[in-house]
Amino acid sequence: MNKGELIDKVAEKANVTKKQADQVLTAALDSIVEAVSSGEKVTLVGFGSFERRERKSREGRNPKTGQKMEIPATCVPAFSAGKLFKEKVAP
């Protein structure tokens, strides 16, 4: 399912127009991205939580030459599924 299909589904279930569903979904996603990028954890009970995790620097290899290289530390977004979500996916 892509964003357009999700908007269609939300509009149908919430009995709103597709334009309204798009605005609400876009606002929700933007709010989650802003919060996580500023270091906050976003928890949606039953669905899951989004957070920013730090990845340590590590040693890697250049696939072309096989030469060792240092991969710098970075921050990445992470999602952990909630209990209800896990139960629905794998009963």
C-alpha atoms as a PDB file:
ATOM      1  CA  MET A   1       0.000   0.000   0.000  1.00  0.00           C
ATOM      2  CA  ASN A   2       1.362   3.412  -0.936  1.00  0.00           C
ATOM      3  CA  LYS A   3       0.438   6.819   0.502  1.00  0.00           C
ATOM      4  CA  GLY A   4      -2.329   7.398  -2.051  1.00  0.00           C
ATOM      5  CA  GLU A   5      -3.965   4.071  -1.264  1.00  0.00           C
ATOM      6  CA  LEU A   6      -3.667   4.790   2.466  1.00  0.00           C
ATOM      7  CA  ILE A   7      -5.351   8.171   1.968  1.00  0.00           C
ATOM      8  CA  ASP A   8      -8.197   6.477   0.090  1.00  0.00           C
ATOM      9  CA  LYS A   9      -8.642   3.944   2.916  1.00  0.00           C
ATOM     10  CA  VAL A  10      -8.548   6.612   5.655  1.00  0.00           C
ATOM     11  CA  ALA A  11     -11.065   8.781   3.764  1.00  0.00           C
ATOM     12  CA  GLU A  12     -13.395   5.803   3.410  1.00  0.00           C
ATOM     13  CA  LYS A  13     -13.135   4.668   7.047  1.00  0.00           C
ATOM     14  CA  ALA A  14     -13.355   8.174   8.560  1.00  0.00           C
ATOM     15  CA  ASN A  15     -16.105   9.276   6.135  1.00  0.00           C
ATOM     16  CA  VAL A  16     -14.159  12.377   5.046  1.00  0.00           C
ATOM     17  CA  THR A  17     -12.967  13.621   1.670  1.00  0.00           C
ATOM     18  CA  LYS A  18      -9.680  12.418   0.220  1.00  0.00           C
ATOM     19  CA  LYS A  19      -8.332  15.967   0.462  1.00  0.00           C
ATOM     20  CA  GLN A  20      -9.110  16.121   4.185  1.00  0.00           C
ATOM     21  CA  ALA A  21      -7.603  12.670   4.763  1.00  0.00           C
ATOM     22  CA  ASP A  22      -4.457  13.725   2.862  1.00  0.00           C
ATOM     23  CA  GLN A  23      -4.100  16.883   4.981  1.00  0.00           C
ATOM     24  CA  VAL A  24      -4.516  14.970   8.248  1.00  0.00           C
ATOM     25  CA  LEU A  25      -2.153  12.157   7.250  1.00  0.00           C
ATOM     26  CA  THR A  26       0.493  14.594   5.985  1.00  0.00           C
ATOM     27  CA  ALA A  27       0.238  16.668   9.173  1.00  0.00           C
ATOM     28  CA  ALA A  28       0.546  13.550  11.352  1.00  0.00           C
ATOM     29  CA  LEU A  29       3.583  12.257   9.461  1.00  0.00           C
ATOM     30  CA  ASP A  30       5.257  15.682   9.499  1.00  0.00           C
ATOM     31  CA  SER A  31       4.688  15.951  13.246  1.00  0.00           C
ATOM     32  CA  ILE A  32       6.225  12.515  13.846  1.00  0.00           C
ATOM     33  CA  VAL A  33       9.259  13.351  11.684  1.00  0.00           C
ATOM     34  CA  GLU A  34       9.789  16.695  13.459  1.00  0.00           C
ATOM     35  CA  ALA A  35       9.531  15.139  16.912  1.00  0.00           C
ATOM     36  CA  VAL A  36      11.882  12.227  16.145  1.00  0.00           C
ATOM     37  CA  SER A  37      14.428  14.469  14.417  1.00  0.00           C
ATOM     38  CA  SER A  38      14.549  16.673  17.528  1.00  0.00           C
ATOM     39  CA  GLY A  39      15.259  13.631  19.713  1.00  0.00           C
ATOM     40  CA  GLU A  40      11.763  12.969  21.086  1.00  0.00           C
ATOM     41  CA  LYS A  41      10.193   9.516  21.196  1.00  0.00           C
ATOM     42  CA  VAL A  42       6.702   9.258  19.661  1.00  0.00           C
ATOM     43  CA  THR A  43       4.527   6.458  21.057  1.00  0.00           C
ATOM     44  CA  LEU A  44       1.200   5.478  19.535  1.00  0.00           C
ATOM     45  CA  VAL A  45      -0.320   2.980  21.983  1.00  0.00           C
ATOM     46  CA  GLY A  46      -1.140  -0.308  20.269  1.00  0.00           C
ATOM     47  CA  PHE A  47       0.659   0.689  17.066  1.00  0.00           C
ATOM     48  CA  GLY A  48       4.264   1.306  18.041  1.00  0.00           C
ATOM     49  CA  SER A  49       6.902   3.895  18.768  1.00  0.00           C
ATOM     50  CA  PHE A  50       9.257   5.967  16.671  1.00  0.00           C
ATOM     51  CA  GLU A  51      12.592   7.149  18.028  1.00  0.00           C
ATOM     52  CA  ARG A  52      16.024   8.384  17.038  1.00  0.00           C
ATOM     53  CA  ARG A  53      18.860   5.938  17.647  1.00  0.00           C
ATOM     54  CA  GLU A  54      22.558   6.593  17.535  1.00  0.00           C
ATOM     55  CA  ARG A  55      24.660   4.259  15.437  1.00  0.00           C
ATOM     56  CA  LYS A  56      28.300   4.017  16.548  1.00  0.00           C
ATOM     57  CA  SER A  57      31.169   4.379  14.128  1.00  0.00           C
ATOM     58  CA  ARG A  58      32.393   1.070  12.784  1.00  0.00           C
ATOM     59  CA  GLU A  59      34.870  -0.467  10.418  1.00  0.00           C
ATOM     60  CA  GLY A  60      33.679  -1.460   6.973  1.00  0.00           C
ATOM     61  CA  ARG A  61      35.118  -2.471   3.636  1.00  0.00           C
ATOM     62  CA  ASN A  62      34.959  -0.861   0.230  1.00  0.00           C
ATOM     63  CA  PRO A  63      33.119  -3.460  -1.900  1.00  0.00           C
ATOM     64  CA  LYS A  64      35.168  -2.624  -5.014  1.00  0.00           C
ATOM     65  CA  THR A  65      38.658  -2.687  -3.541  1.00  0.00           C
ATOM     66  CA  GLY A  66      38.188  -4.623  -0.300  1.00  0.00           C
ATOM     67  CA  GLN A  67      40.081  -1.839   1.474  1.00  0.00           C
ATOM     68  CA  LYS A  68      39.164  -1.164   5.126  1.00  0.00           C
ATOM     69  CA  MET A  69      37.399   2.116   5.848  1.00  0.00           C
ATOM     70  CA  GLU A  70      35.863   3.860   8.837  1.00  0.00           C
ATOM     71  CA  ILE A  71      32.083   4.327   8.713  1.00  0.00           C
ATOM     72  CA  PRO A  72      31.267   7.415  10.828  1.00  0.00           C
ATOM     73  CA  ALA A  73      28.744   7.508  13.682  1.00  0.00           C
ATOM     74  CA  THR A  74      25.267   8.686  12.726  1.00  0.00           C
ATOM     75  CA  CYS A  75      21.688   8.926  13.964  1.00  0.00           C
ATOM     76  CA  VAL A  76      18.940   6.869  12.340  1.00  0.00           C
ATOM     77  CA  PRO A  77      15.163   6.682  12.760  1.00  0.00           C
ATOM     78  CA  ALA A  78      13.825   3.486  14.350  1.00  0.00           C
ATOM     79  CA  PHE A  79      10.374   1.948  14.719  1.00  0.00           C
ATOM     80  CA  SER A  80       9.309  -0.630  17.293  1.00  0.00           C
ATOM     81  CA  ALA A  81       5.946  -2.291  16.751  1.00  0.00           C
ATOM     82  CA  GLY A  82       3.479  -2.250  19.636  1.00  0.00           C
ATOM     83  CA  LYS A  83       1.927  -5.320  21.228  1.00  0.00           C
ATOM     84  CA  LEU A  84      -1.424  -5.108  19.405  1.00  0.00           C
ATOM     85  CA  PHE A  85       0.299  -4.554  16.050  1.00  0.00           C
ATOM     86  CA  LYS A  86       2.552  -7.583  16.612  1.00  0.00           C
ATOM     87  CA  GLU A  87      -0.409  -9.733  17.607  1.00  0.00           C
ATOM     88  CA  LYS A  88      -2.372  -8.768  14.468  1.00  0.00           C
ATOM     89  CA  VAL A  89       0.570  -9.538  12.172  1.00  0.00           C
ATOM     90  CA  ALA A  90       1.610 -12.821  13.777  1.00  0.00           C
ATOM     91  CA  PRO A  91      -1.367 -14.337  15.631  1.00  0.00           C
END
